[in-house]
Amino acid sequence: MFPVPVLPPPLAEAVAVVHDLPVDHVAGAEERSAWLAGLRQIVDAAESAFTTVLADFDATGDGQVLHAASTTQSWLRGALGMASGEA
């Protein structure tokens, strides 16, 4: 298991904002629909950013350099707890 990196301030703040969303107060079909659409946009934007940074991470061998991981996939599994198929 590799150590999980400390999040830089902009990412830590974004995670905190999403974590603190008042999802337990969403009522009614229209509001739930709007929340789902908005949350999907957040997930999609995060996946896009993740993929962009991951491409650079993989190309430069950062997992191998920082943690002696044999591959980027093994670093993703060890540091981020991703399943093999997802990594």
PDB file of N, CA and C in Angstrom:
ATOM      1  N   MET A   1       0.844  -1.175   0.000  1.00  0.00           N
ATOM      2  CA  MET A   1       0.000   0.000   0.000  1.00  0.00           C
ATOM      3  C   MET A   1       0.894   1.245   0.000  1.00  0.00           C
ATOM      4  N   PHE A   2       0.632   2.143  -0.927  1.00  0.00           N
ATOM      5  CA  PHE A   2       1.391   3.375  -1.023  1.00  0.00           C
ATOM      6  C   PHE A   2       0.689   4.467  -0.227  1.00  0.00           C
ATOM      7  N   PRO A   3       1.428   5.447   0.276  1.00  0.00           N
ATOM      8  CA  PRO A   3       0.772   6.535   0.993  1.00  0.00           C
ATOM      9  C   PRO A   3      -0.111   7.359   0.053  1.00  0.00           C
ATOM     10  N   VAL A   4      -1.244   7.785   0.562  1.00  0.00           N
ATOM     11  CA  VAL A   4      -2.150   8.629  -0.219  1.00  0.00           C
ATOM     12  C   VAL A   4      -1.621  10.050  -0.166  1.00  0.00           C
ATOM     13  N   PRO A   5      -1.431  10.693  -1.317  1.00  0.00           N
ATOM     14  CA  PRO A   5      -0.910  12.063  -1.323  1.00  0.00           C
ATOM     15  C   PRO A   5      -1.869  13.037  -0.640  1.00  0.00           C
ATOM     16  N   VAL A   6      -1.294  14.067  -0.055  1.00  0.00           N
ATOM     17  CA  VAL A   6      -2.087  15.137   0.539  1.00  0.00           C
ATOM     18  C   VAL A   6      -2.644  15.983  -0.599  1.00  0.00           C
ATOM     19  N   LEU A   7      -3.927  16.290  -0.527  1.00  0.00           N
ATOM     20  CA  LEU A   7      -4.554  17.073  -1.597  1.00  0.00           C
ATOM     21  C   LEU A   7      -4.091  18.521  -1.566  1.00  0.00           C
ATOM     22  N   PRO A   8      -3.798  19.096  -2.744  1.00  0.00           N
ATOM     23  CA  PRO A   8      -3.489  20.520  -2.814  1.00  0.00           C
ATOM     24  C   PRO A   8      -4.734  21.318  -2.429  1.00  0.00           C
ATOM     25  N   PRO A   9      -4.562  22.536  -1.908  1.00  0.00           N
ATOM     26  CA  PRO A   9      -5.696  23.336  -1.427  1.00  0.00           C
ATOM     27  C   PRO A   9      -6.894  23.436  -2.376  1.00  0.00           C
ATOM     28  N   PRO A  10      -6.731  23.702  -3.671  1.00  0.00           N
ATOM     29  CA  PRO A  10      -7.944  23.827  -4.483  1.00  0.00           C
ATOM     30  C   PRO A  10      -8.751  22.533  -4.519  1.00  0.00           C
ATOM     31  N   LEU A  11      -8.065  21.397  -4.550  1.00  0.00           N
ATOM     32  CA  LEU A  11      -8.776  20.121  -4.594  1.00  0.00           C
ATOM     33  C   LEU A  11      -9.396  19.787  -3.248  1.00  0.00           C
ATOM     34  N   ALA A  12      -8.663  20.040  -2.174  1.00  0.00           N
ATOM     35  CA  ALA A  12      -9.211  19.786  -0.836  1.00  0.00           C
ATOM     36  C   ALA A  12     -10.465  20.620  -0.604  1.00  0.00           C
ATOM     37  N   GLU A  13     -10.440  21.861  -1.050  1.00  0.00           N
ATOM     38  CA  GLU A  13     -11.602  22.742  -0.890  1.00  0.00           C
ATOM     39  C   GLU A  13     -12.778  22.241  -1.728  1.00  0.00           C
ATOM     40  N   ALA A  14     -12.520  21.801  -2.951  1.00  0.00           N
ATOM     41  CA  ALA A  14     -13.597  21.297  -3.817  1.00  0.00           C
ATOM     42  C   ALA A  14     -14.222  20.044  -3.222  1.00  0.00           C
ATOM     43  N   VAL A  15     -13.411  19.148  -2.708  1.00  0.00           N
ATOM     44  CA  VAL A  15     -13.925  17.928  -2.086  1.00  0.00           C
ATOM     45  C   VAL A  15     -14.778  18.285  -0.873  1.00  0.00           C
ATOM     46  N   ALA A  16     -14.311  19.229  -0.071  1.00  0.00           N
ATOM     47  CA  ALA A  16     -15.076  19.646   1.112  1.00  0.00           C
ATOM     48  C   ALA A  16     -16.427  20.235   0.725  1.00  0.00           C
ATOM     49  N   VAL A  17     -16.440  21.047  -0.327  1.00  0.00           N
ATOM     50  CA  VAL A  17     -17.699  21.654  -0.780  1.00  0.00           C
ATOM     51  C   VAL A  17     -18.682  20.571  -1.204  1.00  0.00           C
ATOM     52  N   VAL A  18     -18.213  19.618  -2.012  1.00  0.00           N
ATOM     53  CA  VAL A  18     -19.097  18.549  -2.478  1.00  0.00           C
ATOM     54  C   VAL A  18     -19.543  17.685  -1.295  1.00  0.00           C
ATOM     55  N   HIS A  19     -18.619  17.378  -0.407  1.00  0.00           N
ATOM     56  CA  HIS A  19     -18.941  16.560   0.757  1.00  0.00           C
ATOM     57  C   HIS A  19     -20.009  17.218   1.624  1.00  0.00           C
ATOM     58  N   ASP A  20     -19.981  18.536   1.713  1.00  0.00           N
ATOM     59  CA  ASP A  20     -20.906  19.271   2.579  1.00  0.00           C
ATOM     60  C   ASP A  20     -22.219  19.659   1.899  1.00  0.00           C
ATOM     61  N   LEU A  21     -22.429  19.217   0.668  1.00  0.00           N
ATOM     62  CA  LEU A  21     -23.698  19.528   0.009  1.00  0.00           C
ATOM     63  C   LEU A  21     -24.857  18.937   0.813  1.00  0.00           C
ATOM     64  N   PRO A  22     -25.928  19.690   0.978  1.00  0.00           N
ATOM     65  CA  PRO A  22     -27.047  19.236   1.807  1.00  0.00           C
ATOM     66  C   PRO A  22     -27.954  18.240   1.068  1.00  0.00           C
ATOM     67  N   VAL A  23     -27.406  17.103   0.701  1.00  0.00           N
ATOM     68  CA  VAL A  23     -28.159  16.142  -0.099  1.00  0.00           C
ATOM     69  C   VAL A  23     -29.324  15.519   0.661  1.00  0.00           C
ATOM     70  N   ASP A  24     -29.289  15.556   1.973  1.00  0.00           N
ATOM     71  CA  ASP A  24     -30.384  14.964   2.742  1.00  0.00           C
ATOM     72  C   ASP A  24     -31.613  15.868   2.796  1.00  0.00           C
ATOM     73  N   HIS A  25     -31.500  17.057   2.220  1.00  0.00           N
ATOM     74  CA  HIS A  25     -32.624  17.992   2.195  1.00  0.00           C
ATOM     75  C   HIS A  25     -33.222  18.156   0.795  1.00  0.00           C
ATOM     76  N   VAL A  26     -32.855  17.287  -0.118  1.00  0.00           N
ATOM     77  CA  VAL A  26     -33.374  17.355  -1.482  1.00  0.00           C
ATOM     78  C   VAL A  26     -34.757  16.693  -1.497  1.00  0.00           C
ATOM     79  N   ALA A  27     -35.750  17.459  -1.894  1.00  0.00           N
ATOM     80  CA  ALA A  27     -37.115  16.933  -1.858  1.00  0.00           C
ATOM     81  C   ALA A  27     -37.816  17.172  -3.193  1.00  0.00           C
ATOM     82  N   GLY A  28     -38.627  16.249  -3.582  1.00  0.00           N
ATOM     83  CA  GLY A  28     -39.414  16.404  -4.792  1.00  0.00           C
ATOM     84  C   GLY A  28     -38.680  15.931  -6.027  1.00  0.00           C
ATOM     85  N   ALA A  29     -39.448  15.458  -6.979  1.00  0.00           N
ATOM     86  CA  ALA A  29     -38.885  14.892  -8.202  1.00  0.00           C
ATOM     87  C   ALA A  29     -38.073  15.904  -8.996  1.00  0.00           C
ATOM     88  N   GLU A  30     -38.577  17.115  -9.151  1.00  0.00           N
ATOM     89  CA  GLU A  30     -37.868  18.133  -9.940  1.00  0.00           C
ATOM     90  C   GLU A  30     -36.529  18.481  -9.300  1.00  0.00           C
ATOM     91  N   GLU A  31     -36.525  18.663  -7.984  1.00  0.00           N
ATOM     92  CA  GLU A  31     -35.280  19.016  -7.297  1.00  0.00           C
ATOM     93  C   GLU A  31     -34.292  17.854  -7.334  1.00  0.00           C
ATOM     94  N   ARG A  32     -34.774  16.625  -7.118  1.00  0.00           N
ATOM     95  CA  ARG A  32     -33.873  15.469  -7.209  1.00  0.00           C
ATOM     96  C   ARG A  32     -33.289  15.345  -8.608  1.00  0.00           C
ATOM     97  N   SER A  33     -34.115  15.579  -9.625  1.00  0.00           N
ATOM     98  CA  SER A  33     -33.646  15.525 -11.003  1.00  0.00           C
ATOM     99  C   SER A  33     -32.545  16.551 -11.246  1.00  0.00           C
ATOM    100  N   ALA A  34     -32.753  17.766 -10.770  1.00  0.00           N
ATOM    101  CA  ALA A  34     -31.748  18.824 -10.942  1.00  0.00           C
ATOM    102  C   ALA A  34     -30.468  18.490 -10.180  1.00  0.00           C
ATOM    103  N   TRP A  35     -30.600  17.949  -8.982  1.00  0.00           N
ATOM    104  CA  TRP A  35     -29.422  17.554  -8.212  1.00  0.00           C
ATOM    105  C   TRP A  35     -28.647  16.459  -8.938  1.00  0.00           C
ATOM    106  N   LEU A  36     -29.366  15.468  -9.444  1.00  0.00           N
ATOM    107  CA  LEU A  36     -28.682  14.386 -10.149  1.00  0.00           C
ATOM    108  C   LEU A  36     -27.942  14.899 -11.379  1.00  0.00           C
ATOM    109  N   ALA A  37     -28.572  15.798 -12.114  1.00  0.00           N
ATOM    110  CA  ALA A  37     -27.912  16.375 -13.292  1.00  0.00           C
ATOM    111  C   ALA A  37     -26.665  17.155 -12.884  1.00  0.00           C
ATOM    112  N   GLY A  38     -26.763  17.949 -11.836  1.00  0.00           N
ATOM    113  CA  GLY A  38     -25.621  18.727 -11.370  1.00  0.00           C
ATOM    114  C   GLY A  38     -24.504  17.866 -10.827  1.00  0.00           C
ATOM    115  N   LEU A  39     -24.858  16.860 -10.034  1.00  0.00           N
ATOM    116  CA  LEU A  39     -23.841  15.963  -9.494  1.00  0.00           C
ATOM    117  C   LEU A  39     -23.154  15.183 -10.596  1.00  0.00           C
ATOM    118  N   ARG A  40     -23.907  14.776 -11.634  1.00  0.00           N
ATOM    119  CA  ARG A  40     -23.295  14.071 -12.764  1.00  0.00           C
ATOM    120  C   ARG A  40     -22.283  14.967 -13.468  1.00  0.00           C
ATOM    121  N   GLN A  41     -22.603  16.262 -13.583  1.00  0.00           N
ATOM    122  CA  GLN A  41     -21.662  17.210 -14.200  1.00  0.00           C
ATOM    123  C   GLN A  41     -20.387  17.315 -13.376  1.00  0.00           C
ATOM    124  N   ILE A  42     -20.526  17.300 -12.042  1.00  0.00           N
ATOM    125  CA  ILE A  42     -19.345  17.341 -11.164  1.00  0.00           C
ATOM    126  C   ILE A  42     -18.499  16.085 -11.373  1.00  0.00           C
ATOM    127  N   VAL A  43     -19.144  14.922 -11.397  1.00  0.00           N
ATOM    128  CA  VAL A  43     -18.426  13.656 -11.594  1.00  0.00           C
ATOM    129  C   VAL A  43     -17.728  13.649 -12.946  1.00  0.00           C
ATOM    130  N   ASP A  44     -18.421  14.063 -13.993  1.00  0.00           N
ATOM    131  CA  ASP A  44     -17.827  14.078 -15.334  1.00  0.00           C
ATOM    132  C   ASP A  44     -16.634  15.028 -15.415  1.00  0.00           C
ATOM    133  N   ALA A  45     -16.763  16.211 -14.812  1.00  0.00           N
ATOM    134  CA  ALA A  45     -15.653  17.175 -14.812  1.00  0.00           C
ATOM    135  C   ALA A  45     -14.459  16.609 -14.045  1.00  0.00           C
ATOM    136  N   ALA A  46     -14.734  15.950 -12.916  1.00  0.00           N
ATOM    137  CA  ALA A  46     -13.654  15.356 -12.130  1.00  0.00           C
ATOM    138  C   ALA A  46     -12.978  14.226 -12.901  1.00  0.00           C
ATOM    139  N   GLU A  47     -13.758  13.382 -13.573  1.00  0.00           N
ATOM    140  CA  GLU A  47     -13.188  12.291 -14.377  1.00  0.00           C
ATOM    141  C   GLU A  47     -12.319  12.831 -15.509  1.00  0.00           C
ATOM    142  N   SER A  48     -12.759  13.908 -16.138  1.00  0.00           N
ATOM    143  CA  SER A  48     -11.990  14.517 -17.216  1.00  0.00           C
ATOM    144  C   SER A  48     -10.649  15.046 -16.697  1.00  0.00           C
ATOM    145  N   ALA A  49     -10.695  15.751 -15.577  1.00  0.00           N
ATOM    146  CA  ALA A  49      -9.460  16.275 -14.988  1.00  0.00           C
ATOM    147  C   ALA A  49      -8.551  15.127 -14.553  1.00  0.00           C
ATOM    148  N   PHE A  50      -9.137  14.088 -13.941  1.00  0.00           N
ATOM    149  CA  PHE A  50      -8.373  12.928 -13.499  1.00  0.00           C
ATOM    150  C   PHE A  50      -7.642  12.281 -14.675  1.00  0.00           C
ATOM    151  N   THR A  51      -8.343  12.086 -15.769  1.00  0.00           N
ATOM    152  CA  THR A  51      -7.758  11.449 -16.945  1.00  0.00           C
ATOM    153  C   THR A  51      -6.618  12.279 -17.525  1.00  0.00           C
ATOM    154  N   THR A  52      -6.793  13.588 -17.555  1.00  0.00           N
ATOM    155  CA  THR A  52      -5.751  14.473 -18.081  1.00  0.00           C
ATOM    156  C   THR A  52      -4.476  14.396 -17.237  1.00  0.00           C
ATOM    157  N   VAL A  53      -4.639  14.484 -15.918  1.00  0.00           N
ATOM    158  CA  VAL A  53      -3.468  14.430 -15.029  1.00  0.00           C
ATOM    159  C   VAL A  53      -2.871  13.024 -15.023  1.00  0.00           C
ATOM    160  N   LEU A  54      -3.718  12.000 -15.077  1.00  0.00           N
ATOM    161  CA  LEU A  54      -3.229  10.620 -15.101  1.00  0.00           C
ATOM    162  C   LEU A  54      -2.367  10.352 -16.327  1.00  0.00           C
ATOM    163  N   ALA A  55      -2.720  10.910 -17.459  1.00  0.00           N
ATOM    164  CA  ALA A  55      -1.925  10.717 -18.676  1.00  0.00           C
ATOM    165  C   ALA A  55      -0.499  11.230 -18.475  1.00  0.00           C
ATOM    166  N   ASP A  56      -0.362  12.405 -17.871  1.00  0.00           N
ATOM    167  CA  ASP A  56       0.970  12.946 -17.587  1.00  0.00           C
ATOM    168  C   ASP A  56       1.690  12.104 -16.531  1.00  0.00           C
ATOM    169  N   PHE A  57       0.961  11.705 -15.477  1.00  0.00           N
ATOM    170  CA  PHE A  57       1.518  10.878 -14.401  1.00  0.00           C
ATOM    171  C   PHE A  57       2.090   9.589 -14.970  1.00  0.00           C
ATOM    172  N   ASP A  58       1.324   8.950 -15.862  1.00  0.00           N
ATOM    173  CA  ASP A  58       1.748   7.697 -16.472  1.00  0.00           C
ATOM    174  C   ASP A  58       2.918   7.914 -17.424  1.00  0.00           C
ATOM    175  N   ALA A  59       2.838   8.947 -18.256  1.00  0.00           N
ATOM    176  CA  ALA A  59       3.883   9.202 -19.258  1.00  0.00           C
ATOM    177  C   ALA A  59       5.238   9.484 -18.620  1.00  0.00           C
ATOM    178  N   THR A  60       5.221  10.123 -17.472  1.00  0.00           N
ATOM    179  CA  THR A  60       6.478  10.465 -16.812  1.00  0.00           C
ATOM    180  C   THR A  60       6.923   9.427 -15.786  1.00  0.00           C
ATOM    181  N   GLY A  61       6.106   8.383 -15.580  1.00  0.00           N
ATOM    182  CA  GLY A  61       6.479   7.329 -14.638  1.00  0.00           C
ATOM    183  C   GLY A  61       6.486   7.774 -13.196  1.00  0.00           C
ATOM    184  N   ASP A  62       5.617   8.710 -12.846  1.00  0.00           N
ATOM    185  CA  ASP A  62       5.619   9.262 -11.489  1.00  0.00           C
ATOM    186  C   ASP A  62       5.379   8.213 -10.407  1.00  0.00           C
ATOM    187  N   GLY A  63       4.505   7.247 -10.656  1.00  0.00           N
ATOM    188  CA  GLY A  63       4.254   6.205  -9.660  1.00  0.00           C
ATOM    189  C   GLY A  63       5.502   5.391  -9.379  1.00  0.00           C
ATOM    190  N   GLN A  64       6.256   5.126 -10.435  1.00  0.00           N
ATOM    191  CA  GLN A  64       7.497   4.382 -10.277  1.00  0.00           C
ATOM    192  C   GLN A  64       8.550   5.223  -9.556  1.00  0.00           C
ATOM    193  N   VAL A  65       8.627   6.499  -9.924  1.00  0.00           N
ATOM    194  CA  VAL A  65       9.624   7.394  -9.331  1.00  0.00           C
ATOM    195  C   VAL A  65       9.325   7.655  -7.855  1.00  0.00           C
ATOM    196  N   LEU A  66       8.087   7.969  -7.547  1.00  0.00           N
ATOM    197  CA  LEU A  66       7.726   8.347  -6.178  1.00  0.00           C
ATOM    198  C   LEU A  66       7.631   7.168  -5.221  1.00  0.00           C
ATOM    199  N   HIS A  67       7.134   6.030  -5.698  1.00  0.00           N
ATOM    200  CA  HIS A  67       6.836   4.929  -4.785  1.00  0.00           C
ATOM    201  C   HIS A  67       7.358   3.583  -5.254  1.00  0.00           C
ATOM    202  N   ALA A  68       8.194   3.568  -6.254  1.00  0.00           N
ATOM    203  CA  ALA A  68       8.749   2.328  -6.792  1.00  0.00           C
ATOM    204  C   ALA A  68       7.650   1.348  -7.199  1.00  0.00           C
ATOM    205  N   ALA A  69       6.530   1.885  -7.640  1.00  0.00           N
ATOM    206  CA  ALA A  69       5.444   1.036  -8.140  1.00  0.00           C
ATOM    207  C   ALA A  69       5.896   0.434  -9.471  1.00  0.00           C
ATOM    208  N   SER A  70       5.537  -0.803  -9.696  1.00  0.00           N
ATOM    209  CA  SER A  70       5.972  -1.441 -10.939  1.00  0.00           C
ATOM    210  C   SER A  70       5.270  -0.851 -12.155  1.00  0.00           C
ATOM    211  N   THR A  71       4.050  -0.375 -11.981  1.00  0.00           N
ATOM    212  CA  THR A  71       3.291   0.244 -13.069  1.00  0.00           C
ATOM    213  C   THR A  71       2.392   1.334 -12.487  1.00  0.00           C
ATOM    214  N   THR A  72       1.876   2.167 -13.360  1.00  0.00           N
ATOM    215  CA  THR A  72       0.895   3.163 -12.914  1.00  0.00           C
ATOM    216  C   THR A  72      -0.340   2.455 -12.379  1.00  0.00           C
ATOM    217  N   GLN A  73      -0.739   1.368 -13.007  1.00  0.00           N
ATOM    218  CA  GLN A  73      -1.901   0.608 -12.545  1.00  0.00           C
ATOM    219  C   GLN A  73      -1.691   0.121 -11.107  1.00  0.00           C
ATOM    220  N   SER A  74      -0.513  -0.378 -10.800  1.00  0.00           N
ATOM    221  CA  SER A  74      -0.276  -0.849  -9.430  1.00  0.00           C
ATOM    222  C   SER A  74      -0.278   0.323  -8.451  1.00  0.00           C
ATOM    223  N   TRP A  75       0.191   1.484  -8.876  1.00  0.00           N
ATOM    224  CA  TRP A  75       0.130   2.659  -8.005  1.00  0.00           C
ATOM    225  C   TRP A  75      -1.324   3.059  -7.751  1.00  0.00           C
ATOM    226  N   LEU A  76      -2.153   3.065  -8.801  1.00  0.00           N
ATOM    227  CA  LEU A  76      -3.566   3.401  -8.641  1.00  0.00           C
ATOM    228  C   LEU A  76      -4.251   2.445  -7.672  1.00  0.00           C
ATOM    229  N   ARG A  77      -3.935   1.165  -7.777  1.00  0.00           N
ATOM    230  CA  ARG A  77      -4.527   0.179  -6.861  1.00  0.00           C
ATOM    231  C   ARG A  77      -4.032   0.408  -5.434  1.00  0.00           C
ATOM    232  N   GLY A  78      -2.745   0.619  -5.277  1.00  0.00           N
ATOM    233  CA  GLY A  78      -2.164   0.747  -3.941  1.00  0.00           C
ATOM    234  C   GLY A  78      -2.426   2.073  -3.265  1.00  0.00           C
ATOM    235  N   ALA A  79      -2.295   3.173  -3.984  1.00  0.00           N
ATOM    236  CA  ALA A  79      -2.447   4.498  -3.392  1.00  0.00           C
ATOM    237  C   ALA A  79      -3.894   4.957  -3.328  1.00  0.00           C
ATOM    238  N   LEU A  80      -4.683   4.585  -4.330  1.00  0.00           N
ATOM    239  CA  LEU A  80      -6.047   5.084  -4.409  1.00  0.00           C
ATOM    240  C   LEU A  80      -7.090   4.015  -4.142  1.00  0.00           C
ATOM    241  N   GLY A  81      -6.656   2.781  -3.935  1.00  0.00           N
ATOM    242  CA  GLY A  81      -7.584   1.705  -3.636  1.00  0.00           C
ATOM    243  C   GLY A  81      -8.498   1.333  -4.793  1.00  0.00           C
ATOM    244  N   MET A  82      -8.051   1.597  -6.006  1.00  0.00           N
ATOM    245  CA  MET A  82      -8.880   1.290  -7.180  1.00  0.00           C
ATOM    246  C   MET A  82      -8.820  -0.211  -7.459  1.00  0.00           C
ATOM    247  N   ALA A  83      -9.922  -0.747  -7.954  1.00  0.00           N
ATOM    248  CA  ALA A  83      -9.963  -2.147  -8.364  1.00  0.00           C
ATOM    249  C   ALA A  83      -9.100  -2.314  -9.622  1.00  0.00           C
ATOM    250  N   SER A  84      -8.615  -3.519  -9.834  1.00  0.00           N
ATOM    251  CA  SER A  84      -7.728  -3.771 -10.982  1.00  0.00           C
ATOM    252  C   SER A  84      -8.345  -3.329 -12.303  1.00  0.00           C
ATOM    253  N   GLY A  85      -9.591  -3.684 -12.546  1.00  0.00           N
ATOM    254  CA  GLY A  85     -10.249  -3.319 -13.798  1.00  0.00           C
ATOM    255  C   GLY A  85     -10.418  -1.820 -13.959  1.00  0.00           C
ATOM    256  N   GLU A  86     -10.659  -1.139 -12.849  1.00  0.00           N
ATOM    257  CA  GLU A  86     -10.831   0.312 -12.894  1.00  0.00           C
ATOM    258  C   GLU A  86      -9.498   1.003 -13.129  1.00  0.00           C
ATOM    259  N   ALA A  87      -8.434   0.483 -12.498  1.00  0.00           N
ATOM    260  CA  ALA A  87      -7.112   1.067 -12.643  1.00  0.00           C
ATOM    261  C   ALA A  87      -6.587   0.832 -14.043  1.00  0.00           C
TER     262      ALA A  87
END
